[in-house]
Amino acid sequence: PGRGALLFHTSITPEEFGGAWPAGLPVQIHAMEADPFF
């Protein structure tokens, strides 16, 4: 349980951690549009 997630320069397919993203959990993801890793 938590109030939200902030992912900077990254995100991982939710299935890697056992399932879908929790629908009710707010999230922001930040990255550069041409970051080769992202």
Full PDB file with SEQRES, HELIX, SHEET, SSBOND, CRYST1, ORIGX, SCALE, CONECT and MASTER records, all heavy atoms in Angstrom:
SEQRES   1 A   38  PRO GLY ARG GLY ALA LEU LEU PHE HIS THR SER ILE THR          
SEQRES   2 A   38  PRO GLU GLU PHE GLY GLY ALA TRP PRO ALA GLY LEU PRO          
SEQRES   3 A   38  VAL GLN ILE HIS ALA MET GLU ALA ASP PRO PHE PHE              
HELIX    1 AA1 PRO A   14  PHE A   17  5                                   4    
SHEET    1 AA1 2 ALA A   5  PHE A   8  0                                        
SHEET    2 AA1 2 VAL A  27  HIS A  30  1                                        
CRYST1    1.000    1.000    1.000  90.00  90.00  90.00 P 1           1          
ORIGX1      1.000000  0.000000  0.000000        0.00000                         
ORIGX2      0.000000  1.000000  0.000000        0.00000                         
ORIGX3      0.000000  0.000000  1.000000        0.00000                         
SCALE1      1.000000  0.000000  0.000000        0.00000                         
SCALE2      0.000000  1.000000  0.000000        0.00000                         
SCALE3      0.000000  0.000000  1.000000        0.00000                         
ATOM      1  N   PRO A   1       0.821  -1.206   0.000  1.00  0.00           N  
ATOM      2  CA  PRO A   1       0.000   0.000   0.000  1.00  0.00           C  
ATOM      3  C   PRO A   1       0.862   1.267   0.000  1.00  0.00           C  
ATOM      4  O   PRO A   1       1.928   1.306   0.610  1.00  0.00           O  
ATOM      5  CB  PRO A   1      -0.801  -0.112   1.299  1.00  0.00           C  
ATOM      6  CG  PRO A   1      -0.831  -1.572   1.607  1.00  0.00           C  
ATOM      7  CD  PRO A   1       0.504  -2.095   1.121  1.00  0.00           C  
ATOM      8  N   GLY A   2       0.381   2.277  -0.693  1.00  0.00           N  
ATOM      9  CA  GLY A   2       1.071   3.560  -0.754  1.00  0.00           C  
ATOM     10  C   GLY A   2       0.160   4.619  -1.352  1.00  0.00           C  
ATOM     11  O   GLY A   2      -0.953   4.322  -1.785  1.00  0.00           O  
ATOM     12  N   ARG A   3       0.658   5.844  -1.384  1.00  0.00           N  
ATOM     13  CA  ARG A   3      -0.135   6.972  -1.888  1.00  0.00           C  
ATOM     14  C   ARG A   3       0.194   7.362  -3.317  1.00  0.00           C  
ATOM     15  O   ARG A   3      -0.472   8.187  -3.908  1.00  0.00           O  
ATOM     16  CB  ARG A   3       0.073   8.190  -1.000  1.00  0.00           C  
ATOM     17  CG  ARG A   3      -0.627   8.099   0.323  1.00  0.00           C  
ATOM     18  CD  ARG A   3      -1.948   8.862   0.288  1.00  0.00           C  
ATOM     19  NE  ARG A   3      -2.709   8.645   1.488  1.00  0.00           N  
ATOM     20  CZ  ARG A   3      -2.679   9.423   2.556  1.00  0.00           C  
ATOM     21  NH1 ARG A   3      -1.906  10.482   2.572  1.00  0.00           N  
ATOM     22  NH2 ARG A   3      -3.417   9.140   3.601  1.00  0.00           N  
ATOM     23  N   GLY A   4       1.284   6.809  -3.858  1.00  0.00           N  
ATOM     24  CA  GLY A   4       1.636   7.170  -5.220  1.00  0.00           C  
ATOM     25  C   GLY A   4       3.025   6.689  -5.569  1.00  0.00           C  
ATOM     26  O   GLY A   4       3.750   6.143  -4.729  1.00  0.00           O  
ATOM     27  N   ALA A   5       3.384   6.918  -6.836  1.00  0.00           N  
ATOM     28  CA  ALA A   5       4.708   6.532  -7.315  1.00  0.00           C  
ATOM     29  C   ALA A   5       5.243   7.606  -8.250  1.00  0.00           C  
ATOM     30  O   ALA A   5       4.500   8.186  -9.042  1.00  0.00           O  
ATOM     31  CB  ALA A   5       4.650   5.193  -8.042  1.00  0.00           C  
ATOM     32  N   LEU A   6       6.539   7.848  -8.124  1.00  0.00           N  
ATOM     33  CA  LEU A   6       7.266   8.781  -8.991  1.00  0.00           C  
ATOM     34  C   LEU A   6       8.435   8.011  -9.593  1.00  0.00           C  
ATOM     35  O   LEU A   6       9.319   7.551  -8.860  1.00  0.00           O  
ATOM     36  CB  LEU A   6       7.784   9.970  -8.179  1.00  0.00           C  
ATOM     37  CG  LEU A   6       6.732  10.909  -7.626  1.00  0.00           C  
ATOM     38  CD1 LEU A   6       7.300  11.710  -6.450  1.00  0.00           C  
ATOM     39  CD2 LEU A   6       6.246  11.835  -8.729  1.00  0.00           C  
ATOM     40  N   LEU A   7       8.415   7.848 -10.904  1.00  0.00           N  
ATOM     41  CA  LEU A   7       9.467   7.112 -11.590  1.00  0.00           C  
ATOM     42  C   LEU A   7      10.220   8.079 -12.492  1.00  0.00           C  
ATOM     43  O   LEU A   7       9.638   8.661 -13.406  1.00  0.00           O  
ATOM     44  CB  LEU A   7       8.870   5.957 -12.394  1.00  0.00           C  
ATOM     45  CG  LEU A   7       8.046   4.952 -11.584  1.00  0.00           C  
ATOM     46  CD1 LEU A   7       7.391   3.922 -12.501  1.00  0.00           C  
ATOM     47  CD2 LEU A   7       8.892   4.279 -10.519  1.00  0.00           C  
ATOM     48  N   PHE A   8      11.504   8.234 -12.205  1.00  0.00           N  
ATOM     49  CA  PHE A   8      12.346   9.171 -12.951  1.00  0.00           C  
ATOM     50  C   PHE A   8      13.309   8.384 -13.841  1.00  0.00           C  
ATOM     51  O   PHE A   8      14.081   7.565 -13.351  1.00  0.00           O  
ATOM     52  CB  PHE A   8      13.145  10.060 -11.994  1.00  0.00           C  
ATOM     53  CG  PHE A   8      12.294  10.799 -10.994  1.00  0.00           C  
ATOM     54  CD1 PHE A   8      12.203  10.359  -9.686  1.00  0.00           C  
ATOM     55  CD2 PHE A   8      11.577  11.920 -11.370  1.00  0.00           C  
ATOM     56  CE1 PHE A   8      11.423  11.030  -8.757  1.00  0.00           C  
ATOM     57  CE2 PHE A   8      10.790  12.603 -10.450  1.00  0.00           C  
ATOM     58  CZ  PHE A   8      10.709  12.157  -9.142  1.00  0.00           C  
ATOM     59  N   HIS A   9      13.232   8.614 -15.139  1.00  0.00           N  
ATOM     60  CA  HIS A   9      14.137   8.011 -16.132  1.00  0.00           C  
ATOM     61  C   HIS A   9      13.904   6.521 -16.318  1.00  0.00           C  
ATOM     62  O   HIS A   9      14.760   5.837 -16.882  1.00  0.00           O  
ATOM     63  CB  HIS A   9      15.617   8.231 -15.769  1.00  0.00           C  
ATOM     64  CG  HIS A   9      15.927   9.516 -15.092  1.00  0.00           C  
ATOM     65  ND1 HIS A   9      15.812  10.726 -15.731  1.00  0.00           N  
ATOM     66  CD2 HIS A   9      16.326   9.792 -13.834  1.00  0.00           C  
ATOM     67  CE1 HIS A   9      16.138  11.688 -14.884  1.00  0.00           C  
ATOM     68  NE2 HIS A   9      16.452  11.150 -13.728  1.00  0.00           N  
ATOM     69  N   THR A  10      12.794   6.001 -15.876  1.00  0.00           N  
ATOM     70  CA  THR A  10      12.592   4.555 -15.932  1.00  0.00           C  
ATOM     71  C   THR A  10      11.133   4.172 -15.806  1.00  0.00           C  
ATOM     72  O   THR A  10      10.317   4.931 -15.276  1.00  0.00           O  
ATOM     73  CB  THR A  10      13.368   3.857 -14.795  1.00  0.00           C  
ATOM     74  OG1 THR A  10      13.366   2.452 -15.015  1.00  0.00           O  
ATOM     75  CG2 THR A  10      12.797   4.166 -13.429  1.00  0.00           C  
ATOM     76  N   SER A  11      10.827   3.017 -16.284  1.00  0.00           N  
ATOM     77  CA  SER A  11       9.595   2.298 -15.967  1.00  0.00           C  
ATOM     78  C   SER A  11       9.802   0.878 -16.462  1.00  0.00           C  
ATOM     79  O   SER A  11      10.542   0.633 -17.403  1.00  0.00           O  
ATOM     80  CB  SER A  11       8.361   2.934 -16.604  1.00  0.00           C  
ATOM     81  OG  SER A  11       8.510   2.992 -17.998  1.00  0.00           O  
ATOM     82  N   ILE A  12       9.169  -0.036 -15.801  1.00  0.00           N  
ATOM     83  CA  ILE A  12       9.342  -1.450 -16.082  1.00  0.00           C  
ATOM     84  C   ILE A  12       7.973  -2.037 -16.354  1.00  0.00           C  
ATOM     85  O   ILE A  12       6.978  -1.629 -15.738  1.00  0.00           O  
ATOM     86  CB  ILE A  12      10.017  -2.140 -14.876  1.00  0.00           C  
ATOM     87  CG1 ILE A  12      11.391  -1.500 -14.639  1.00  0.00           C  
ATOM     88  CG2 ILE A  12      10.146  -3.640 -15.083  1.00  0.00           C  
ATOM     89  CD1 ILE A  12      11.901  -1.625 -13.237  1.00  0.00           C  
ATOM     90  N   THR A  13       7.900  -2.961 -17.269  1.00  0.00           N  
ATOM     91  CA  THR A  13       6.634  -3.617 -17.556  1.00  0.00           C  
ATOM     92  C   THR A  13       6.052  -4.143 -16.245  1.00  0.00           C  
ATOM     93  O   THR A  13       6.728  -4.882 -15.524  1.00  0.00           O  
ATOM     94  CB  THR A  13       6.861  -4.784 -18.541  1.00  0.00           C  
ATOM     95  OG1 THR A  13       7.501  -4.274 -19.698  1.00  0.00           O  
ATOM     96  CG2 THR A  13       5.560  -5.444 -18.919  1.00  0.00           C  
ATOM     97  N   PRO A  14       4.830  -3.747 -15.917  1.00  0.00           N  
ATOM     98  CA  PRO A  14       4.251  -4.142 -14.628  1.00  0.00           C  
ATOM     99  C   PRO A  14       4.255  -5.649 -14.381  1.00  0.00           C  
ATOM    100  O   PRO A  14       4.389  -6.094 -13.240  1.00  0.00           O  
ATOM    101  CB  PRO A  14       2.829  -3.589 -14.686  1.00  0.00           C  
ATOM    102  CG  PRO A  14       2.908  -2.447 -15.629  1.00  0.00           C  
ATOM    103  CD  PRO A  14       3.940  -2.847 -16.648  1.00  0.00           C  
ATOM    104  N   GLU A  15       4.163  -6.425 -15.438  1.00  0.00           N  
ATOM    105  CA  GLU A  15       4.145  -7.881 -15.285  1.00  0.00           C  
ATOM    106  C   GLU A  15       5.451  -8.413 -14.682  1.00  0.00           C  
ATOM    107  O   GLU A  15       5.473  -9.494 -14.091  1.00  0.00           O  
ATOM    108  CB  GLU A  15       3.881  -8.550 -16.642  1.00  0.00           C  
ATOM    109  CG  GLU A  15       2.471  -8.337 -17.166  1.00  0.00           C  
ATOM    110  CD  GLU A  15       2.201  -6.918 -17.689  1.00  0.00           C  
ATOM    111  OE1 GLU A  15       3.164  -6.211 -18.065  1.00  0.00           O  
ATOM    112  OE2 GLU A  15       1.025  -6.512 -17.708  1.00  0.00           O  
ATOM    113  N   GLU A  16       6.532  -7.655 -14.809  1.00  0.00           N  
ATOM    114  CA  GLU A  16       7.810  -8.063 -14.199  1.00  0.00           C  
ATOM    115  C   GLU A  16       7.689  -8.189 -12.677  1.00  0.00           C  
ATOM    116  O   GLU A  16       8.451  -8.907 -12.054  1.00  0.00           O  
ATOM    117  CB  GLU A  16       8.913  -7.052 -14.524  1.00  0.00           C  
ATOM    118  CG  GLU A  16       9.359  -7.049 -15.960  1.00  0.00           C  
ATOM    119  CD  GLU A  16      10.162  -8.286 -16.337  1.00  0.00           C  
ATOM    120  OE1 GLU A  16      10.939  -8.781 -15.508  1.00  0.00           O  
ATOM    121  OE2 GLU A  16       9.981  -8.747 -17.479  1.00  0.00           O  
ATOM    122  N   PHE A  17       6.728  -7.452 -12.122  1.00  0.00           N  
ATOM    123  CA  PHE A  17       6.541  -7.469 -10.673  1.00  0.00           C  
ATOM    124  C   PHE A  17       5.229  -8.140 -10.283  1.00  0.00           C  
ATOM    125  O   PHE A  17       4.632  -7.823  -9.266  1.00  0.00           O  
ATOM    126  CB  PHE A  17       6.633  -6.061 -10.104  1.00  0.00           C  
ATOM    127  CG  PHE A  17       7.983  -5.434 -10.315  1.00  0.00           C  
ATOM    128  CD1 PHE A  17       8.100  -4.214 -10.954  1.00  0.00           C  
ATOM    129  CD2 PHE A  17       9.143  -6.071  -9.899  1.00  0.00           C  
ATOM    130  CE1 PHE A  17       9.346  -3.641 -11.155  1.00  0.00           C  
ATOM    131  CE2 PHE A  17      10.391  -5.515 -10.102  1.00  0.00           C  
ATOM    132  CZ  PHE A  17      10.495  -4.296 -10.730  1.00  0.00           C  
ATOM    133  N   GLY A  18       4.770  -9.038 -11.133  1.00  0.00           N  
ATOM    134  CA  GLY A  18       3.666  -9.896 -10.753  1.00  0.00           C  
ATOM    135  C   GLY A  18       2.275  -9.493 -11.185  1.00  0.00           C  
ATOM    136  O   GLY A  18       1.317 -10.109 -10.765  1.00  0.00           O  
ATOM    137  N   GLY A  19       2.134  -8.473 -11.983  1.00  0.00           N  
ATOM    138  CA  GLY A  19       0.787  -8.150 -12.425  1.00  0.00           C  
ATOM    139  C   GLY A  19       0.642  -6.744 -12.930  1.00  0.00           C  
ATOM    140  O   GLY A  19       1.622  -6.057 -13.204  1.00  0.00           O  
ATOM    141  N   ALA A  20      -0.607  -6.323 -13.033  1.00  0.00           N  
ATOM    142  CA  ALA A  20      -0.933  -5.017 -13.589  1.00  0.00           C  
ATOM    143  C   ALA A  20      -0.638  -3.903 -12.580  1.00  0.00           C  
ATOM    144  O   ALA A  20      -0.526  -4.137 -11.377  1.00  0.00           O  
ATOM    145  CB  ALA A  20      -2.401  -4.979 -13.982  1.00  0.00           C  
ATOM    146  N   TRP A  21      -0.530  -2.702 -13.094  1.00  0.00           N  
ATOM    147  CA  TRP A  21      -0.388  -1.527 -12.238  1.00  0.00           C  
ATOM    148  C   TRP A  21      -1.656  -1.368 -11.408  1.00  0.00           C  
ATOM    149  O   TRP A  21      -2.767  -1.470 -11.942  1.00  0.00           O  
ATOM    150  CB  TRP A  21      -0.155  -0.276 -13.090  1.00  0.00           C  
ATOM    151  CG  TRP A  21       0.131   0.916 -12.231  1.00  0.00           C  
ATOM    152  CD1 TRP A  21      -0.747   1.884 -11.855  1.00  0.00           C  
ATOM    153  CD2 TRP A  21       1.384   1.243 -11.625  1.00  0.00           C  
ATOM    154  NE1 TRP A  21      -0.128   2.800 -11.033  1.00  0.00           N  
ATOM    155  CE2 TRP A  21       1.188   2.427 -10.875  1.00  0.00           C  
ATOM    156  CE3 TRP A  21       2.643   0.651 -11.618  1.00  0.00           C  
ATOM    157  CZ2 TRP A  21       2.205   3.027 -10.146  1.00  0.00           C  
ATOM    158  CZ3 TRP A  21       3.653   1.258 -10.895  1.00  0.00           C  
ATOM    159  CH2 TRP A  21       3.428   2.435 -10.174  1.00  0.00           C  
ATOM    160  N   PRO A  22      -1.554  -1.091 -10.111  1.00  0.00           N  
ATOM    161  CA  PRO A  22      -2.757  -0.870  -9.298  1.00  0.00           C  
ATOM    162  C   PRO A  22      -3.525   0.361  -9.805  1.00  0.00           C  
ATOM    163  O   PRO A  22      -3.004   1.475  -9.756  1.00  0.00           O  
ATOM    164  CB  PRO A  22      -2.195  -0.631  -7.890  1.00  0.00           C  
ATOM    165  CG  PRO A  22      -0.779  -1.114  -7.925  1.00  0.00           C  
ATOM    166  CD  PRO A  22      -0.323  -0.990  -9.336  1.00  0.00           C  
ATOM    167  N   ALA A  23      -4.712   0.149 -10.310  1.00  0.00           N  
ATOM    168  CA  ALA A  23      -5.458   1.223 -10.980  1.00  0.00           C  
ATOM    169  C   ALA A  23      -5.609   2.468 -10.112  1.00  0.00           C  
ATOM    170  O   ALA A  23      -5.522   3.585 -10.614  1.00  0.00           O  
ATOM    171  CB  ALA A  23      -6.834   0.709 -11.402  1.00  0.00           C  
ATOM    172  N   GLY A  24      -5.824   2.306  -8.827  1.00  0.00           N  
ATOM    173  CA  GLY A  24      -6.057   3.446  -7.958  1.00  0.00           C  
ATOM    174  C   GLY A  24      -4.801   4.148  -7.471  1.00  0.00           C  
ATOM    175  O   GLY A  24      -4.903   5.120  -6.717  1.00  0.00           O  
ATOM    176  N   LEU A  25      -3.626   3.695  -7.894  1.00  0.00           N  
ATOM    177  CA  LEU A  25      -2.380   4.291  -7.421  1.00  0.00           C  
ATOM    178  C   LEU A  25      -1.892   5.346  -8.409  1.00  0.00           C  
ATOM    179  O   LEU A  25      -1.512   5.026  -9.532  1.00  0.00           O  
ATOM    180  CB  LEU A  25      -1.300   3.222  -7.240  1.00  0.00           C  
ATOM    181  CG  LEU A  25      -0.017   3.729  -6.600  1.00  0.00           C  
ATOM    182  CD1 LEU A  25      -0.249   4.033  -5.122  1.00  0.00           C  
ATOM    183  CD2 LEU A  25       1.096   2.707  -6.766  1.00  0.00           C  
ATOM    184  N   PRO A  26      -1.870   6.624  -8.007  1.00  0.00           N  
ATOM    185  CA  PRO A  26      -1.406   7.680  -8.906  1.00  0.00           C  
ATOM    186  C   PRO A  26       0.086   7.523  -9.213  1.00  0.00           C  
ATOM    187  O   PRO A  26       0.864   7.083  -8.371  1.00  0.00           O  
ATOM    188  CB  PRO A  26      -1.652   8.966  -8.115  1.00  0.00           C  
ATOM    189  CG  PRO A  26      -2.544   8.599  -6.992  1.00  0.00           C  
ATOM    190  CD  PRO A  26      -2.310   7.144  -6.719  1.00  0.00           C  
ATOM    191  N   VAL A  27       0.465   7.914 -10.420  1.00  0.00           N  
ATOM    192  CA  VAL A  27       1.858   7.785 -10.843  1.00  0.00           C  
ATOM    193  C   VAL A  27       2.233   8.923 -11.787  1.00  0.00           C  
ATOM    194  O   VAL A  27       1.416   9.383 -12.575  1.00  0.00           O  
ATOM    195  CB  VAL A  27       2.106   6.417 -11.530  1.00  0.00           C  
ATOM    196  CG1 VAL A  27       1.239   6.243 -12.773  1.00  0.00           C  
ATOM    197  CG2 VAL A  27       3.572   6.213 -11.857  1.00  0.00           C  
ATOM    198  N   GLN A  28       3.469   9.363 -11.647  1.00  0.00           N  
ATOM    199  CA  GLN A  28       4.094  10.258 -12.617  1.00  0.00           C  
ATOM    200  C   GLN A  28       5.372   9.586 -13.079  1.00  0.00           C  
ATOM    201  O   GLN A  28       6.119   9.020 -12.268  1.00  0.00           O  
ATOM    202  CB  GLN A  28       4.478  11.612 -11.999  1.00  0.00           C  
ATOM    203  CG  GLN A  28       3.391  12.623 -11.916  1.00  0.00           C  
ATOM    204  CD  GLN A  28       3.929  14.006 -11.509  1.00  0.00           C  
ATOM    205  OE1 GLN A  28       5.101  14.180 -11.196  1.00  0.00           O  
ATOM    206  NE2 GLN A  28       3.049  14.975 -11.508  1.00  0.00           N  
ATOM    207  N   ILE A  29       5.629   9.676 -14.394  1.00  0.00           N  
ATOM    208  CA  ILE A  29       6.859   9.148 -14.976  1.00  0.00           C  
ATOM    209  C   ILE A  29       7.513  10.287 -15.750  1.00  0.00           C  
ATOM    210  O   ILE A  29       6.847  10.962 -16.541  1.00  0.00           O  
ATOM    211  CB  ILE A  29       6.577   7.947 -15.895  1.00  0.00           C  
ATOM    212  CG1 ILE A  29       5.847   6.849 -15.107  1.00  0.00           C  
ATOM    213  CG2 ILE A  29       7.882   7.412 -16.506  1.00  0.00           C  
ATOM    214  CD1 ILE A  29       5.311   5.714 -15.963  1.00  0.00           C  
ATOM    215  N   HIS A  30       8.810  10.498 -15.511  1.00  0.00           N  
ATOM    216  CA  HIS A  30       9.557  11.605 -16.120  1.00  0.00           C  
ATOM    217  C   HIS A  30      10.780  11.052 -16.847  1.00  0.00           C  
ATOM    218  O   HIS A  30      11.550  10.284 -16.268  1.00  0.00           O  
ATOM    219  CB  HIS A  30      10.045  12.582 -15.045  1.00  0.00           C  
ATOM    220  CG  HIS A  30       8.953  13.188 -14.229  1.00  0.00           C  
ATOM    221  ND1 HIS A  30       8.373  14.395 -14.542  1.00  0.00           N  
ATOM    222  CD2 HIS A  30       8.329  12.748 -13.103  1.00  0.00           C  
ATOM    223  CE1 HIS A  30       7.437  14.681 -13.649  1.00  0.00           C  
ATOM    224  NE2 HIS A  30       7.395  13.694 -12.760  1.00  0.00           N  
ATOM    225  N   ALA A  31      10.967  11.479 -18.110  1.00  0.00           N  
ATOM    226  CA  ALA A  31      12.145  11.061 -18.878  1.00  0.00           C  
ATOM    227  C   ALA A  31      12.361  12.034 -20.025  1.00  0.00           C  
ATOM    228  O   ALA A  31      11.472  12.825 -20.370  1.00  0.00           O  
ATOM    229  CB  ALA A  31      11.961   9.648 -19.418  1.00  0.00           C  
ATOM    230  N   MET A  32      13.549  11.970 -20.626  1.00  0.00           N  
ATOM    231  CA  MET A  32      13.807  12.760 -21.828  1.00  0.00           C  
ATOM    232  C   MET A  32      13.342  11.972 -23.046  1.00  0.00           C  
ATOM    233  O   MET A  32      13.493  10.745 -23.110  1.00  0.00           O  
ATOM    234  CB  MET A  32      15.286  13.129 -21.945  1.00  0.00           C  
ATOM    235  CG  MET A  32      15.652  14.282 -21.057  1.00  0.00           C  
ATOM    236  SD  MET A  32      17.221  15.040 -21.521  1.00  0.00           S  
ATOM    237  CE  MET A  32      17.015  16.643 -20.734  1.00  0.00           C  
ATOM    238  N   GLU A  33      12.768  12.708 -24.001  1.00  0.00           N  
ATOM    239  CA  GLU A  33      12.135  12.069 -25.148  1.00  0.00           C  
ATOM    240  C   GLU A  33      13.099  11.275 -26.022  1.00  0.00           C  
ATOM    241  O   GLU A  33      12.678  10.325 -26.693  1.00  0.00           O  
ATOM    242  CB  GLU A  33      11.405  13.115 -25.994  1.00  0.00           C  
ATOM    243  CG  GLU A  33      12.306  14.186 -26.573  1.00  0.00           C  
ATOM    244  CD  GLU A  33      11.539  15.335 -27.193  1.00  0.00           C  
ATOM    245  OE1 GLU A  33      10.294  15.338 -27.139  1.00  0.00           O  
ATOM    246  OE2 GLU A  33      12.192  16.242 -27.730  1.00  0.00           O  
ATOM    247  N   ALA A  34      14.381  11.609 -26.020  1.00  0.00           N  
ATOM    248  CA  ALA A  34      15.352  10.881 -26.840  1.00  0.00           C  
ATOM    249  C   ALA A  34      16.401  10.164 -25.997  1.00  0.00           C  
ATOM    250  O   ALA A  34      17.464   9.799 -26.509  1.00  0.00           O  
ATOM    251  CB  ALA A  34      16.014  11.838 -27.832  1.00  0.00           C  
ATOM    252  N   ASP A  35      16.115   9.929 -24.730  1.00  0.00           N  
ATOM    253  CA  ASP A  35      17.010   9.152 -23.870  1.00  0.00           C  
ATOM    254  C   ASP A  35      17.071   7.737 -24.435  1.00  0.00           C  
ATOM    255  O   ASP A  35      16.067   7.039 -24.481  1.00  0.00           O  
ATOM    256  CB  ASP A  35      16.449   9.149 -22.444  1.00  0.00           C  
ATOM    257  CG  ASP A  35      17.150   8.179 -21.503  1.00  0.00           C  
ATOM    258  OD1 ASP A  35      18.127   7.523 -21.913  1.00  0.00           O  
ATOM    259  OD2 ASP A  35      16.702   8.078 -20.346  1.00  0.00           O  
ATOM    260  N   PRO A  36      18.253   7.294 -24.876  1.00  0.00           N  
ATOM    261  CA  PRO A  36      18.322   5.972 -25.497  1.00  0.00           C  
ATOM    262  C   PRO A  36      17.928   4.833 -24.552  1.00  0.00           C  
ATOM    263  O   PRO A  36      17.415   3.813 -24.992  1.00  0.00           O  
ATOM    264  CB  PRO A  36      19.782   5.841 -25.940  1.00  0.00           C  
ATOM    265  CG  PRO A  36      20.530   6.890 -25.208  1.00  0.00           C  
ATOM    266  CD  PRO A  36      19.552   7.968 -24.866  1.00  0.00           C  
ATOM    267  N   PHE A  37      18.127   4.989 -23.257  1.00  0.00           N  
ATOM    268  CA  PHE A  37      17.738   3.949 -22.300  1.00  0.00           C  
ATOM    269  C   PHE A  37      16.229   3.888 -22.122  1.00  0.00           C  
ATOM    270  O   PHE A  37      15.681   2.853 -21.775  1.00  0.00           O  
ATOM    271  CB  PHE A  37      18.378   4.202 -20.923  1.00  0.00           C  
ATOM    272  CG  PHE A  37      19.867   4.116 -20.934  1.00  0.00           C  
ATOM    273  CD1 PHE A  37      20.625   5.264 -20.892  1.00  0.00           C  
ATOM    274  CD2 PHE A  37      20.509   2.891 -20.987  1.00  0.00           C  
ATOM    275  CE1 PHE A  37      22.006   5.212 -20.895  1.00  0.00           C  
ATOM    276  CE2 PHE A  37      21.892   2.818 -21.002  1.00  0.00           C  
ATOM    277  CZ  PHE A  37      22.642   3.979 -20.961  1.00  0.00           C  
ATOM    278  N   PHE A  38      15.570   5.010 -22.341  1.00  0.00           N  
ATOM    279  CA  PHE A  38      14.136   5.091 -22.085  1.00  0.00           C  
ATOM    280  C   PHE A  38      13.307   4.990 -23.359  1.00  0.00           C  
ATOM    281  O   PHE A  38      12.314   4.273 -23.396  1.00  0.00           O  
ATOM    282  CB  PHE A  38      13.807   6.402 -21.362  1.00  0.00           C  
ATOM    283  CG  PHE A  38      12.387   6.489 -20.890  1.00  0.00           C  
ATOM    284  CD1 PHE A  38      12.029   5.942 -19.672  1.00  0.00           C  
ATOM    285  CD2 PHE A  38      11.412   7.096 -21.662  1.00  0.00           C  
ATOM    286  CE1 PHE A  38      10.717   5.993 -19.231  1.00  0.00           C  
ATOM    287  CE2 PHE A  38      10.096   7.160 -21.237  1.00  0.00           C  
ATOM    288  CZ  PHE A  38       9.749   6.604 -20.011  1.00  0.00           C  
TER     289      PHE A  38                                                      
MASTER        0    0    0    1    2    0    0    6  288    1    0    3          
END                                                                             
